[in-house]
Amino acid sequence: MAGPLLRSIWSSARRSISSSSSSSSGRRPFFNPYLSSRVAPLLSRPPGATRAFAAAPASAASATSSSPNSALDPSRLRNVAVIAHVDHGKTTLMDRLLRQCGADIPHERAMDSISLERERGITISSKVTSIAWKENELNMVDTPGHADFGGEVERVVGMVEGAILVVDAGEGPLAQTKFVLAKALKYGIRPILLLNKVDRPAVSEERCNEVESLVFDLFANLGATEEQLDFPVLYASAKEGWASSTYTKDPPTEAKNMSELLDAVIRHVPPPNASIDAPFQMLVSMMEKDFYLGRILTGRVFSGVVRVGDRVHGLRCTDSGAEKIEEGKVKYLVLNAYFTQYEHKSYTSMIIKLMKKKGTSMILIDAAGAGDIISMAGMASPSIGHTIANVEVATALPTVELDPPTISMTFGVNDSPLAGRDGTHLTGGKIGDRLMAEAETNLAINVLPAVGESYEVQGRGELQLGILIENMRREGFELSVSPPRVMYKTESGQKLEPIEEVTIEVNDEHVGLVMEALSHRRAEVVDMGPVPGNFGRTRLSLTCPSRGLVGYRSVFSSDTRGTGFMHRAFLTYAKFRGPLGNVRKGVLVSMGFGTITAHALVGLEPRGILFIGPGVDTYDGMIVGEHTRDTDLDVNPVRAKELSNMRSANKDENVRLSPPRLMTLEEAIGYVASDELIEVTPKAIRLRKRYLDVNKRKTMSKRPKE
């Protein structure tokens, strides 16, 4: 019945719009290509076909029409998060699960939709998708594995009743494994342990048993209950696309799939405990912005049912109670595919669309019940942490509390002599608007106004803030960024600083070099021993202040010749450990404006390591290299060879220079000192002194440091 009714409404609406547009001069019909591409599948359904709830399989469409509430039954749902340490195989596992359930995967790492995620091979933001398995609907949440993006895990772990804890069978549980597991246990989740990468030659059954014992000890240390300690264990190779309930390296051909893992999810993950008879309430946990649809709000339906035609509103918690921020009506997306420009501006903000991610595509749905994870588009004001509910509901759901940020950086206007050459967004107002928009979609980032046209941005680590800066420079922003500063606490008159847990795996010959470098950074060794199954490798467990680890990753890679692994995660706040040792040399500072010449660089090479090559523009106060000593040195890199009417003996000599050390954005963030800044433009990353004038720098250097 819905099919003919929808076509009749569409035909009448289209005739009225075409007649009104032809009679009124100067008013062209509004055409949205993004929306119209989704209209055709809706109109191509055969007459009399009902539109089944998105969570129901296609084969159950007839059952859905005869029993409308059967598709909304929470017992059919399983909400599961995939959590793990970085590089333990979460995203690859998600690809295999999607393929197992018949989803079309256009490429590897299909869940990584952000360009930076595909370039760097990491997951930055959480994603939700839905797959059907044996008459059940599985809402799967892919989470980041890096400690800097832990806020994404905290936000979504409250949406699920179960979790798949992926652990590398060779490496065992690491720092971030402890963090994500603690969040899951806090919400009463009983995780399923999946030992991944068991097909590796170094992984044996004894190693898997050892890793299982380490994970059990980790559960016990984190205060797990008796039920949580009785976790199921599976063995898998996400790369090969199979999972098994028993240890094996090469399962039979008919068993090389993910069926056992999906069956384990159905058996061990409980369905949502929610009532579809209560009023509709949904807590927004994720938000993304679309060019045509505006804000797409994703969250879990905690109670009730939302259907097309319902009126809903957004609520937020305030000190005086719940506050209403916006109201709208749920409608079919097809009804507003064609509007005049005036009608589009007037009505689309009040029209709310129901959507759900199925596989790798977003589809339209007619209704959603309690316990399901859905998306809404069309509301302009609600954001993460707000509640979407029926208009008769006046109570907002409690928001998720996130761990506090540990470092901060100051973003300001680029005021260097080369400002404005590359970027299009230069003013402090535009920088502030972009940062506020980021803080709205990422609750782990706080933005506070600072002095002048600058803003203090607080986050979890330099990688998280580096991703933000990289996105801004790709969008055409020019800005200056200060070095990271650790956020201290004061309790009972005692100064506290954030301490991180660090796990390092290096070759035996590099242990002394690494321990010496970390001793200058106030690190303390907790455990040390050989790596099981890897002869000649040593694993170190340390605790180190966050300020000591800023900029150490590039030093660590150089010290270990790229053969070492370092993982870190926030541990706690502890007593201030004192000032750091000498962790960096001085710099070579330019005292000339112009183009750098090869003739000048030949004389500067013995002074240190150069960061730039000939032909690059420079200015007073720009950092062009690292000094061999601990003090800064002012140099002139634009000096040209003097010309005369006398023939020089070395006139025709070729100038041979060593390749400069080119810094990435993350390396620059970790390198700069407190009196330096990073100049970020769409085409260049430059290091500079905070005060460009040499006399001003000398005056400020005599002031006591904070």
Foldseek 3Di string as FASTA:
>chain_A
DVLVVVVVLLVVLVVVQVVVDVVDPPWDKDFDPVLVVQVVVSNPDDPPQDDAFPQFDPVCRVVCVVPVCVSQDLQQEAEEEEAEAWPLQQLLLVVQVLVQQPFDQPDRSLVQPDPVCVVVVWHQAKDWAWGDDPRHIYIYIYGTRAQQNCLRLLLCLLLGQEYEYGAALQQAHDFSSLVSVLSNQVNVYQYAYEHEPCLDPLHDPVSNVVSLVVVLVSCVVSPHDPRSSPHQYKYYYSVQAAIGSDDDNDDDPVRRHDVVVVVCSSVPGGGDPEEQPDFWKWAFRFWDQDPPQGIKTKTATAYHKDFQFFKKFKWAQDPVFIDTDGIAGEHDSSSVSIGIPVVCVVHQLRYKFKWHHHSSDIDGGGMHGHSDMTIMTRHHPDFHGMMMTGPVDRHTDGHRDDDAFWKKKKKAFDPDPPPPPFFDAGFLVVVVVLLVVVCRRRVQWDWADDPDSMIMITGHALVSVLVVLLVQQQVRYWIKMFAMDTDWDADPNFIKHWKKKKKKKAFPVLPVVVVVLVVLQVKDWDDKDARRSDPRMIMTIIIGTRLSCQLCVVVVCVSRVNGMDMGMHTDGIDGDRDDGHDNFAAFEFEAAWDWFDLVQVLVCVVQFAFADDGGDTDHQFWTGGGGPHRYYHYGHRRDDDDDDPDDDPCPPPDRDDDDHDHDDSSNVSRHDDRQKIWTRHSVDITIGGVDRDPVVVVVVVPDDDD
